[in-house]
Full PDB file with SEQRES, HELIX, SHEET, SSBOND, CRYST1, ORIGX, SCALE, CONECT and MASTER records, all heavy atoms in Angstrom:
SEQRES   1 A   35  ALA TYR GLY ILE ASP GLU ILE PRO SER PHE ILE VAL PHE          
SEQRES   2 A   35  HIS GLN GLY LYS VAL ILE GLU LYS THR SER GLY PHE ARG          
SEQRES   3 A   35  GLU GLU PRO LYS LEU LYS GLU LEU PHE                          
HELIX    1 AA1 GLU A   28  LEU A   34  1                                   7    
SHEET    1 AA1 2 SER A   9  HIS A  14  0                                        
SHEET    2 AA1 2 LYS A  17  SER A  23 -1                                        
CRYST1    1.000    1.000    1.000  90.00  90.00  90.00 P 1           1          
ORIGX1      1.000000  0.000000  0.000000        0.00000                         
ORIGX2      0.000000  1.000000  0.000000        0.00000                         
ORIGX3      0.000000  0.000000  1.000000        0.00000                         
SCALE1      1.000000  0.000000  0.000000        0.00000                         
SCALE2      0.000000  1.000000  0.000000        0.00000                         
SCALE3      0.000000  0.000000  1.000000        0.00000                         
ATOM      1  N   ALA A   1       1.764   3.321 -14.356  1.00  0.00           N  
ATOM      2  CA  ALA A   1       1.748   1.872 -14.561  1.00  0.00           C  
ATOM      3  C   ALA A   1       0.933   1.152 -13.480  1.00  0.00           C  
ATOM      4  O   ALA A   1       0.294   0.135 -13.754  1.00  0.00           O  
ATOM      5  CB  ALA A   1       3.171   1.326 -14.597  1.00  0.00           C  
ATOM      6  N   TYR A   2       0.951   1.714 -12.266  1.00  0.00           N  
ATOM      7  CA  TYR A   2       0.264   1.059 -11.150  1.00  0.00           C  
ATOM      8  C   TYR A   2      -0.986   1.819 -10.691  1.00  0.00           C  
ATOM      9  O   TYR A   2      -1.548   1.509  -9.637  1.00  0.00           O  
ATOM     10  CB  TYR A   2       1.237   0.854  -9.975  1.00  0.00           C  
ATOM     11  CG  TYR A   2       2.268  -0.212 -10.281  1.00  0.00           C  
ATOM     12  CD1 TYR A   2       3.458   0.113 -10.902  1.00  0.00           C  
ATOM     13  CD2 TYR A   2       2.021  -1.555 -10.004  1.00  0.00           C  
ATOM     14  CE1 TYR A   2       4.400  -0.862 -11.227  1.00  0.00           C  
ATOM     15  CE2 TYR A   2       2.949  -2.540 -10.312  1.00  0.00           C  
ATOM     16  CZ  TYR A   2       4.140  -2.186 -10.925  1.00  0.00           C  
ATOM     17  OH  TYR A   2       5.054  -3.163 -11.248  1.00  0.00           O  
ATOM     18  N   GLY A   3      -1.425   2.774 -11.485  1.00  0.00           N  
ATOM     19  CA  GLY A   3      -2.675   3.467 -11.188  1.00  0.00           C  
ATOM     20  C   GLY A   3      -2.647   4.281  -9.919  1.00  0.00           C  
ATOM     21  O   GLY A   3      -3.663   4.395  -9.222  1.00  0.00           O  
ATOM     22  N   ILE A   4      -1.500   4.893  -9.605  1.00  0.00           N  
ATOM     23  CA  ILE A   4      -1.394   5.717  -8.406  1.00  0.00           C  
ATOM     24  C   ILE A   4      -1.771   7.153  -8.757  1.00  0.00           C  
ATOM     25  O   ILE A   4      -1.077   7.821  -9.522  1.00  0.00           O  
ATOM     26  CB  ILE A   4       0.044   5.696  -7.837  1.00  0.00           C  
ATOM     27  CG1 ILE A   4       0.470   4.261  -7.511  1.00  0.00           C  
ATOM     28  CG2 ILE A   4       0.131   6.586  -6.604  1.00  0.00           C  
ATOM     29  CD1 ILE A   4      -0.347   3.589  -6.447  1.00  0.00           C  
ATOM     30  N   ASP A   5      -2.889   7.645  -8.217  1.00  0.00           N  
ATOM     31  CA  ASP A   5      -3.322   9.005  -8.492  1.00  0.00           C  
ATOM     32  C   ASP A   5      -3.549   9.802  -7.208  1.00  0.00           C  
ATOM     33  O   ASP A   5      -4.152  10.863  -7.213  1.00  0.00           O  
ATOM     34  CB  ASP A   5      -4.589   9.020  -9.343  1.00  0.00           C  
ATOM     35  CG  ASP A   5      -5.757   8.303  -8.681  1.00  0.00           C  
ATOM     36  OD1 ASP A   5      -5.600   7.835  -7.531  1.00  0.00           O  
ATOM     37  OD2 ASP A   5      -6.825   8.210  -9.304  1.00  0.00           O  
ATOM     38  N   GLU A   6      -3.041   9.259  -6.106  1.00  0.00           N  
ATOM     39  CA  GLU A   6      -3.197   9.917  -4.809  1.00  0.00           C  
ATOM     40  C   GLU A   6      -2.035   9.511  -3.931  1.00  0.00           C  
ATOM     41  O   GLU A   6      -1.559   8.371  -4.001  1.00  0.00           O  
ATOM     42  CB  GLU A   6      -4.527   9.499  -4.176  1.00  0.00           C  
ATOM     43  CG  GLU A   6      -4.824  10.139  -2.842  1.00  0.00           C  
ATOM     44  CD  GLU A   6      -6.194   9.752  -2.304  1.00  0.00           C  
ATOM     45  OE1 GLU A   6      -6.997   9.172  -3.062  1.00  0.00           O  
ATOM     46  OE2 GLU A   6      -6.453  10.044  -1.130  1.00  0.00           O  
ATOM     47  N   ILE A   7      -1.543  10.449  -3.128  1.00  0.00           N  
ATOM     48  CA  ILE A   7      -0.473  10.117  -2.206  1.00  0.00           C  
ATOM     49  C   ILE A   7      -0.812  10.652  -0.806  1.00  0.00           C  
ATOM     50  O   ILE A   7      -1.577  11.623  -0.700  1.00  0.00           O  
ATOM     51  CB  ILE A   7       0.891  10.698  -2.671  1.00  0.00           C  
ATOM     52  CG1 ILE A   7       0.764  12.181  -2.970  1.00  0.00           C  
ATOM     53  CG2 ILE A   7       1.437   9.942  -3.847  1.00  0.00           C  
ATOM     54  CD1 ILE A   7       2.069  12.863  -3.276  1.00  0.00           C  
ATOM     55  N   PRO A   8      -0.280   9.999   0.231  1.00  0.00           N  
ATOM     56  CA  PRO A   8       0.556   8.812   0.195  1.00  0.00           C  
ATOM     57  C   PRO A   8      -0.214   7.586  -0.289  1.00  0.00           C  
ATOM     58  O   PRO A   8      -1.412   7.448  -0.022  1.00  0.00           O  
ATOM     59  CB  PRO A   8       0.984   8.638   1.651  1.00  0.00           C  
ATOM     60  CG  PRO A   8      -0.124   9.283   2.434  1.00  0.00           C  
ATOM     61  CD  PRO A   8      -0.576  10.441   1.609  1.00  0.00           C  
ATOM     62  N   SER A   9       0.490   6.719  -1.002  1.00  0.00           N  
ATOM     63  CA  SER A   9      -0.084   5.437  -1.415  1.00  0.00           C  
ATOM     64  C   SER A   9       0.942   4.346  -1.124  1.00  0.00           C  
ATOM     65  O   SER A   9       2.154   4.609  -1.099  1.00  0.00           O  
ATOM     66  CB  SER A   9      -0.417   5.429  -2.910  1.00  0.00           C  
ATOM     67  OG  SER A   9      -1.614   6.096  -3.182  1.00  0.00           O  
ATOM     68  N   PHE A  10       0.440   3.146  -0.923  1.00  0.00           N  
ATOM     69  CA  PHE A  10       1.309   2.006  -0.647  1.00  0.00           C  
ATOM     70  C   PHE A  10       0.883   0.825  -1.514  1.00  0.00           C  
ATOM     71  O   PHE A  10      -0.311   0.599  -1.713  1.00  0.00           O  
ATOM     72  CB  PHE A  10       1.235   1.597   0.829  1.00  0.00           C  
ATOM     73  CG  PHE A  10       1.792   2.616   1.773  1.00  0.00           C  
ATOM     74  CD1 PHE A  10       0.993   3.655   2.252  1.00  0.00           C  
ATOM     75  CD2 PHE A  10       3.120   2.569   2.176  1.00  0.00           C  
ATOM     76  CE1 PHE A  10       1.499   4.612   3.101  1.00  0.00           C  
ATOM     77  CE2 PHE A  10       3.634   3.528   3.032  1.00  0.00           C  
ATOM     78  CZ  PHE A  10       2.824   4.552   3.498  1.00  0.00           C  
ATOM     79  N   ILE A  11       1.879   0.114  -2.016  1.00  0.00           N  
ATOM     80  CA  ILE A  11       1.617  -1.150  -2.706  1.00  0.00           C  
ATOM     81  C   ILE A  11       2.398  -2.234  -1.979  1.00  0.00           C  
ATOM     82  O   ILE A  11       3.591  -2.058  -1.670  1.00  0.00           O  
ATOM     83  CB  ILE A  11       2.039  -1.109  -4.182  1.00  0.00           C  
ATOM     84  CG1 ILE A  11       1.198  -0.104  -4.965  1.00  0.00           C  
ATOM     85  CG2 ILE A  11       1.882  -2.491  -4.814  1.00  0.00           C  
ATOM     86  CD1 ILE A  11       1.544  -0.040  -6.447  1.00  0.00           C  
ATOM     87  N   VAL A  12       1.743  -3.347  -1.712  1.00  0.00           N  
ATOM     88  CA  VAL A  12       2.387  -4.490  -1.065  1.00  0.00           C  
ATOM     89  C   VAL A  12       2.583  -5.588  -2.106  1.00  0.00           C  
ATOM     90  O   VAL A  12       1.636  -6.001  -2.778  1.00  0.00           O  
ATOM     91  CB  VAL A  12       1.530  -5.026   0.093  1.00  0.00           C  
ATOM     92  CG1 VAL A  12       2.198  -6.244   0.724  1.00  0.00           C  
ATOM     93  CG2 VAL A  12       1.297  -3.940   1.138  1.00  0.00           C  
ATOM     94  N   PHE A  13       3.828  -6.033  -2.240  1.00  0.00           N  
ATOM     95  CA  PHE A  13       4.156  -7.142  -3.134  1.00  0.00           C  
ATOM     96  C   PHE A  13       4.542  -8.351  -2.298  1.00  0.00           C  
ATOM     97  O   PHE A  13       5.252  -8.229  -1.295  1.00  0.00           O  
ATOM     98  CB  PHE A  13       5.342  -6.789  -4.044  1.00  0.00           C  
ATOM     99  CG  PHE A  13       5.041  -5.782  -5.118  1.00  0.00           C  
ATOM    100  CD1 PHE A  13       5.152  -4.421  -4.859  1.00  0.00           C  
ATOM    101  CD2 PHE A  13       4.669  -6.195  -6.391  1.00  0.00           C  
ATOM    102  CE1 PHE A  13       4.894  -3.485  -5.845  1.00  0.00           C  
ATOM    103  CE2 PHE A  13       4.409  -5.270  -7.386  1.00  0.00           C  
ATOM    104  CZ  PHE A  13       4.520  -3.913  -7.115  1.00  0.00           C  
ATOM    105  N   HIS A  14       4.082  -9.505  -2.711  1.00  0.00           N  
ATOM    106  CA  HIS A  14       4.498 -10.763  -2.080  1.00  0.00           C  
ATOM    107  C   HIS A  14       4.849 -11.734  -3.198  1.00  0.00           C  
ATOM    108  O   HIS A  14       3.996 -12.082  -4.011  1.00  0.00           O  
ATOM    109  CB  HIS A  14       3.389 -11.340  -1.203  1.00  0.00           C  
ATOM    110  CG  HIS A  14       3.785 -12.607  -0.498  1.00  0.00           C  
ATOM    111  ND1 HIS A  14       4.709 -12.620   0.523  1.00  0.00           N  
ATOM    112  CD2 HIS A  14       3.400 -13.899  -0.686  1.00  0.00           C  
ATOM    113  CE1 HIS A  14       4.858 -13.871   0.946  1.00  0.00           C  
ATOM    114  NE2 HIS A  14       4.078 -14.659   0.239  1.00  0.00           N  
ATOM    115  N   GLN A  15       6.129 -12.095  -3.243  1.00  0.00           N  
ATOM    116  CA  GLN A  15       6.636 -12.997  -4.279  1.00  0.00           C  
ATOM    117  C   GLN A  15       6.283 -12.490  -5.680  1.00  0.00           C  
ATOM    118  O   GLN A  15       5.849 -13.241  -6.549  1.00  0.00           O  
ATOM    119  CB  GLN A  15       6.092 -14.417  -4.061  1.00  0.00           C  
ATOM    120  CG  GLN A  15       6.567 -15.020  -2.746  1.00  0.00           C  
ATOM    121  CD  GLN A  15       6.057 -16.431  -2.505  1.00  0.00           C  
ATOM    122  OE1 GLN A  15       5.096 -16.859  -3.137  1.00  0.00           O  
ATOM    123  NE2 GLN A  15       6.695 -17.149  -1.595  1.00  0.00           N  
ATOM    124  N   GLY A  16       6.481 -11.192  -5.881  1.00  0.00           N  
ATOM    125  CA  GLY A  16       6.310 -10.593  -7.197  1.00  0.00           C  
ATOM    126  C   GLY A  16       4.896 -10.207  -7.570  1.00  0.00           C  
ATOM    127  O   GLY A  16       4.669  -9.625  -8.632  1.00  0.00           O  
ATOM    128  N   LYS A  17       3.931 -10.503  -6.705  1.00  0.00           N  
ATOM    129  CA  LYS A  17       2.538 -10.190  -7.021  1.00  0.00           C  
ATOM    130  C   LYS A  17       2.006  -9.073  -6.118  1.00  0.00           C  
ATOM    131  O   LYS A  17       2.326  -9.030  -4.929  1.00  0.00           O  
ATOM    132  CB  LYS A  17       1.660 -11.433  -6.856  1.00  0.00           C  
ATOM    133  CG  LYS A  17       1.992 -12.557  -7.837  1.00  0.00           C  
ATOM    134  CD  LYS A  17       1.067 -13.747  -7.621  1.00  0.00           C  
ATOM    135  CE  LYS A  17       1.375 -14.872  -8.600  1.00  0.00           C  
ATOM    136  NZ  LYS A  17       0.479 -16.038  -8.406  1.00  0.00           N  
ATOM    137  N   VAL A  18       1.190  -8.200  -6.700  1.00  0.00           N  
ATOM    138  CA  VAL A  18       0.548  -7.144  -5.911  1.00  0.00           C  
ATOM    139  C   VAL A  18      -0.566  -7.776  -5.088  1.00  0.00           C  
ATOM    140  O   VAL A  18      -1.492  -8.370  -5.630  1.00  0.00           O  
ATOM    141  CB  VAL A  18      -0.047  -6.051  -6.818  1.00  0.00           C  
ATOM    142  CG1 VAL A  18      -0.810  -5.024  -5.977  1.00  0.00           C  
ATOM    143  CG2 VAL A  18       1.055  -5.361  -7.627  1.00  0.00           C  
ATOM    144  N   ILE A  19      -0.461  -7.657  -3.771  1.00  0.00           N  
ATOM    145  CA  ILE A  19      -1.507  -8.233  -2.920  1.00  0.00           C  
ATOM    146  C   ILE A  19      -2.314  -7.157  -2.190  1.00  0.00           C  
ATOM    147  O   ILE A  19      -3.351  -7.454  -1.589  1.00  0.00           O  
ATOM    148  CB  ILE A  19      -0.929  -9.234  -1.894  1.00  0.00           C  
ATOM    149  CG1 ILE A  19       0.062  -8.532  -0.958  1.00  0.00           C  
ATOM    150  CG2 ILE A  19      -0.287 -10.404  -2.599  1.00  0.00           C  
ATOM    151  CD1 ILE A  19       0.494  -9.424   0.200  1.00  0.00           C  
ATOM    152  N   GLU A  20      -1.838  -5.900  -2.256  1.00  0.00           N  
ATOM    153  CA  GLU A  20      -2.569  -4.821  -1.596  1.00  0.00           C  
ATOM    154  C   GLU A  20      -2.138  -3.487  -2.200  1.00  0.00           C  
ATOM    155  O   GLU A  20      -0.963  -3.269  -2.485  1.00  0.00           O  
ATOM    156  CB  GLU A  20      -2.289  -4.809  -0.089  1.00  0.00           C  
ATOM    157  CG  GLU A  20      -2.996  -3.720   0.695  1.00  0.00           C  
ATOM    158  CD  GLU A  20      -4.495  -3.944   0.800  1.00  0.00           C  
ATOM    159  OE1 GLU A  20      -4.916  -5.088   1.040  1.00  0.00           O  
ATOM    160  OE2 GLU A  20      -5.237  -2.968   0.630  1.00  0.00           O  
ATOM    161  N   LYS A  21      -3.101  -2.617  -2.416  1.00  0.00           N  
ATOM    162  CA  LYS A  21      -2.807  -1.239  -2.835  1.00  0.00           C  
ATOM    163  C   LYS A  21      -3.742  -0.337  -2.055  1.00  0.00           C  
ATOM    164  O   LYS A  21      -4.956  -0.530  -2.076  1.00  0.00           O  
ATOM    165  CB  LYS A  21      -3.013  -1.062  -4.338  1.00  0.00           C  
ATOM    166  CG  LYS A  21      -2.596   0.325  -4.825  1.00  0.00           C  
ATOM    167  CD  LYS A  21      -2.568   0.423  -6.350  1.00  0.00           C  
ATOM    168  CE  LYS A  21      -3.956   0.590  -6.917  1.00  0.00           C  
ATOM    169  NZ  LYS A  21      -3.929   0.948  -8.364  1.00  0.00           N  
ATOM    170  N   THR A  22      -3.181   0.619  -1.359  1.00  0.00           N  
ATOM    171  CA  THR A  22      -3.998   1.486  -0.524  1.00  0.00           C  
ATOM    172  C   THR A  22      -3.458   2.905  -0.569  1.00  0.00           C  
ATOM    173  O   THR A  22      -2.291   3.124  -0.908  1.00  0.00           O  
ATOM    174  CB  THR A  22      -4.020   0.973   0.933  1.00  0.00           C  
ATOM    175  OG1 THR A  22      -4.895   1.778   1.713  1.00  0.00           O  
ATOM    176  CG2 THR A  22      -2.637   1.006   1.548  1.00  0.00           C  
ATOM    177  N   SER A  23      -4.303   3.875  -0.241  1.00  0.00           N  
ATOM    178  CA  SER A  23      -3.868   5.262  -0.246  1.00  0.00           C  
ATOM    179  C   SER A  23      -4.433   5.981   0.968  1.00  0.00           C  
ATOM    180  O   SER A  23      -5.374   5.513   1.615  1.00  0.00           O  
ATOM    181  CB  SER A  23      -4.324   5.966  -1.531  1.00  0.00           C  
ATOM    182  OG  SER A  23      -5.733   5.953  -1.630  1.00  0.00           O  
ATOM    183  N   GLY A  24      -3.830   7.110   1.280  1.00  0.00           N  
ATOM    184  CA  GLY A  24      -4.287   7.905   2.410  1.00  0.00           C  
ATOM    185  C   GLY A  24      -3.449   7.674   3.655  1.00  0.00           C  
ATOM    186  O   GLY A  24      -2.664   6.728   3.738  1.00  0.00           O  
ATOM    187  N   PHE A  25      -3.622   8.551   4.624  1.00  0.00           N  
ATOM    188  CA  PHE A  25      -2.860   8.468   5.871  1.00  0.00           C  
ATOM    189  C   PHE A  25      -3.277   7.250   6.686  1.00  0.00           C  
ATOM    190  O   PHE A  25      -4.464   6.925   6.776  1.00  0.00           O  
ATOM    191  CB  PHE A  25      -3.076   9.738   6.699  1.00  0.00           C  
ATOM    192  CG  PHE A  25      -2.331   9.731   7.997  1.00  0.00           C  
ATOM    193  CD1 PHE A  25      -0.995  10.047   8.037  1.00  0.00           C  
ATOM    194  CD2 PHE A  25      -2.976   9.382   9.170  1.00  0.00           C  
ATOM    195  CE1 PHE A  25      -0.291  10.027   9.244  1.00  0.00           C  
ATOM    196  CE2 PHE A  25      -2.295   9.356  10.383  1.00  0.00           C  
ATOM    197  CZ  PHE A  25      -0.942   9.689  10.411  1.00  0.00           C  
ATOM    198  N   ARG A  26      -2.308   6.572   7.264  1.00  0.00           N  
ATOM    199  CA  ARG A  26      -2.561   5.410   8.122  1.00  0.00           C  
ATOM    200  C   ARG A  26      -1.768   5.583   9.418  1.00  0.00           C  
ATOM    201  O   ARG A  26      -0.598   5.955   9.386  1.00  0.00           O  
ATOM    202  CB  ARG A  26      -2.120   4.102   7.449  1.00  0.00           C  
ATOM    203  CG  ARG A  26      -2.842   3.781   6.166  1.00  0.00           C  
ATOM    204  CD  ARG A  26      -2.187   2.600   5.448  1.00  0.00           C  
ATOM    205  NE  ARG A  26      -2.487   1.331   6.088  1.00  0.00           N  
ATOM    206  CZ  ARG A  26      -3.422   0.475   5.682  1.00  0.00           C  
ATOM    207  NH1 ARG A  26      -4.151   0.769   4.619  1.00  0.00           N  
ATOM    208  NH2 ARG A  26      -3.632  -0.660   6.297  1.00  0.00           N  
ATOM    209  N   GLU A  27      -2.419   5.301  10.540  1.00  0.00           N  
ATOM    210  CA  GLU A  27      -1.697   5.281  11.816  1.00  0.00           C  
ATOM    211  C   GLU A  27      -0.785   4.051  11.836  1.00  0.00           C  
ATOM    212  O   GLU A  27      -0.947   3.129  11.033  1.00  0.00           O  
ATOM    213  CB  GLU A  27      -2.678   5.235  12.989  1.00  0.00           C  
ATOM    214  CG  GLU A  27      -3.571   6.460  13.117  1.00  0.00           C  
ATOM    215  CD  GLU A  27      -2.824   7.708  13.566  1.00  0.00           C  
ATOM    216  OE1 GLU A  27      -1.611   7.606  13.895  1.00  0.00           O  
ATOM    217  OE2 GLU A  27      -3.434   8.792  13.579  1.00  0.00           O  
ATOM    218  N   GLU A  28       0.168   4.037  12.744  1.00  0.00           N  
ATOM    219  CA  GLU A  28       1.176   2.981  12.753  1.00  0.00           C  
ATOM    220  C   GLU A  28       0.608   1.558  12.797  1.00  0.00           C  
ATOM    221  O   GLU A  28       1.080   0.681  12.063  1.00  0.00           O  
ATOM    222  CB  GLU A  28       2.161   3.189  13.912  1.00  0.00           C  
ATOM    223  CG  GLU A  28       3.326   2.209  13.867  1.00  0.00           C  
ATOM    224  CD  GLU A  28       4.375   2.504  14.923  1.00  0.00           C  
ATOM    225  OE1 GLU A  28       4.527   3.690  15.311  1.00  0.00           O  
ATOM    226  OE2 GLU A  28       5.045   1.565  15.366  1.00  0.00           O  
ATOM    227  N   PRO A  29      -0.399   1.268  13.644  1.00  0.00           N  
ATOM    228  CA  PRO A  29      -0.928  -0.112  13.657  1.00  0.00           C  
ATOM    229  C   PRO A  29      -1.469  -0.542  12.295  1.00  0.00           C  
ATOM    230  O   PRO A  29      -1.277  -1.695  11.880  1.00  0.00           O  
ATOM    231  CB  PRO A  29      -2.046  -0.046  14.707  1.00  0.00           C  
ATOM    232  CG  PRO A  29      -1.645   1.065  15.617  1.00  0.00           C  
ATOM    233  CD  PRO A  29      -1.033   2.091  14.703  1.00  0.00           C  
ATOM    234  N   LYS A  30      -2.145   0.360  11.599  1.00  0.00           N  
ATOM    235  CA  LYS A  30      -2.676   0.041  10.267  1.00  0.00           C  
ATOM    236  C   LYS A  30      -1.549  -0.085   9.249  1.00  0.00           C  
ATOM    237  O   LYS A  30      -1.604  -0.910   8.336  1.00  0.00           O  
ATOM    238  CB  LYS A  30      -3.666   1.117   9.827  1.00  0.00           C  
ATOM    239  CG  LYS A  30      -5.007   1.046  10.536  1.00  0.00           C  
ATOM    240  CD  LYS A  30      -5.763  -0.203  10.121  1.00  0.00           C  
ATOM    241  CE  LYS A  30      -7.144  -0.247  10.748  1.00  0.00           C  
ATOM    242  NZ  LYS A  30      -7.887  -1.471  10.357  1.00  0.00           N  
ATOM    243  N   LEU A  31      -0.533   0.730   9.397  1.00  0.00           N  
ATOM    244  CA  LEU A  31       0.614   0.653   8.504  1.00  0.00           C  
ATOM    245  C   LEU A  31       1.345  -0.673   8.703  1.00  0.00           C  
ATOM    246  O   LEU A  31       1.791  -1.301   7.737  1.00  0.00           O  
ATOM    247  CB  LEU A  31       1.562   1.825   8.773  1.00  0.00           C  
ATOM    248  CG  LEU A  31       2.761   1.990   7.854  1.00  0.00           C  
ATOM    249  CD1 LEU A  31       2.318   2.137   6.400  1.00  0.00           C  
ATOM    250  CD2 LEU A  31       3.594   3.192   8.285  1.00  0.00           C  
ATOM    251  N   LYS A  32       1.427  -1.111   9.945  1.00  0.00           N  
ATOM    252  CA  LYS A  32       2.109  -2.371  10.248  1.00  0.00           C  
ATOM    253  C   LYS A  32       1.412  -3.557   9.579  1.00  0.00           C  
ATOM    254  O   LYS A  32       2.055  -4.531   9.181  1.00  0.00           O  
ATOM    255  CB  LYS A  32       2.165  -2.590  11.766  1.00  0.00           C  
ATOM    256  CG  LYS A  32       2.969  -3.819  12.176  1.00  0.00           C  
ATOM    257  CD  LYS A  32       3.134  -3.889  13.694  1.00  0.00           C  
ATOM    258  CE  LYS A  32       3.981  -5.098  14.091  1.00  0.00           C  
ATOM    259  NZ  LYS A  32       4.181  -5.155  15.558  1.00  0.00           N  
ATOM    260  N   GLU A  33       0.097  -3.453   9.410  1.00  0.00           N  
ATOM    261  CA  GLU A  33      -0.651  -4.529   8.753  1.00  0.00           C  
ATOM    262  C   GLU A  33      -0.135  -4.776   7.338  1.00  0.00           C  
ATOM    263  O   GLU A  33      -0.150  -5.915   6.848  1.00  0.00           O  
ATOM    264  CB  GLU A  33      -2.142  -4.186   8.703  1.00  0.00           C  
ATOM    265  CG  GLU A  33      -2.825  -4.213  10.060  1.00  0.00           C  
ATOM    266  CD  GLU A  33      -4.284  -3.797   9.989  1.00  0.00           C  
ATOM    267  OE1 GLU A  33      -4.761  -3.511   8.868  1.00  0.00           O  
ATOM    268  OE2 GLU A  33      -4.940  -3.754  11.054  1.00  0.00           O  
ATOM    269  N   LEU A  34       0.329  -3.723   6.670  1.00  0.00           N  
ATOM    270  CA  LEU A  34       0.865  -3.884   5.325  1.00  0.00           C  
ATOM    271  C   LEU A  34       2.152  -4.703   5.332  1.00  0.00           C  
ATOM    272  O   LEU A  34       2.390  -5.533   4.444  1.00  0.00           O  
ATOM    273  CB  LEU A  34       1.125  -2.508   4.685  1.00  0.00           C  
ATOM    274  CG  LEU A  34      -0.078  -1.583   4.546  1.00  0.00           C  
ATOM    275  CD1 LEU A  34       0.341  -0.275   3.892  1.00  0.00           C  
ATOM    276  CD2 LEU A  34      -1.189  -2.243   3.726  1.00  0.00           C  
ATOM    277  N   PHE A  35       2.976  -4.483   6.341  1.00  0.00           N  
ATOM    278  CA  PHE A  35       4.222  -5.235   6.468  1.00  0.00           C  
ATOM    279  C   PHE A  35       3.938  -6.703   6.769  1.00  0.00           C  
ATOM    280  O   PHE A  35       4.594  -7.608   6.243  1.00  0.00           O  
ATOM    281  CB  PHE A  35       5.103  -4.638   7.570  1.00  0.00           C  
ATOM    282  CG  PHE A  35       5.787  -3.356   7.174  1.00  0.00           C  
ATOM    283  CD1 PHE A  35       5.085  -2.168   7.059  1.00  0.00           C  
ATOM    284  CD2 PHE A  35       7.148  -3.359   6.892  1.00  0.00           C  
ATOM    285  CE1 PHE A  35       5.710  -0.996   6.681  1.00  0.00           C  
ATOM    286  CE2 PHE A  35       7.792  -2.188   6.514  1.00  0.00           C  
ATOM    287  CZ  PHE A  35       7.066  -0.997   6.400  1.00  0.00           C  
TER     288      PHE A  35                                                      
MASTER        0    0    0    1    2    0    0    6  287    1    0    3          
END                                                                             
C-alpha cells in the first residue's frame, strides 16, 4: 500500500499525511531528523 520494497524503511506522518519516506541505514543524527 505504501510502496515499501526495501528495508529498513521509514515513513513519517504528520497530522495523517505522509511527509517523508526514506529507506536504508541512517546514523542517529539523520534518524533524529525524521522525528
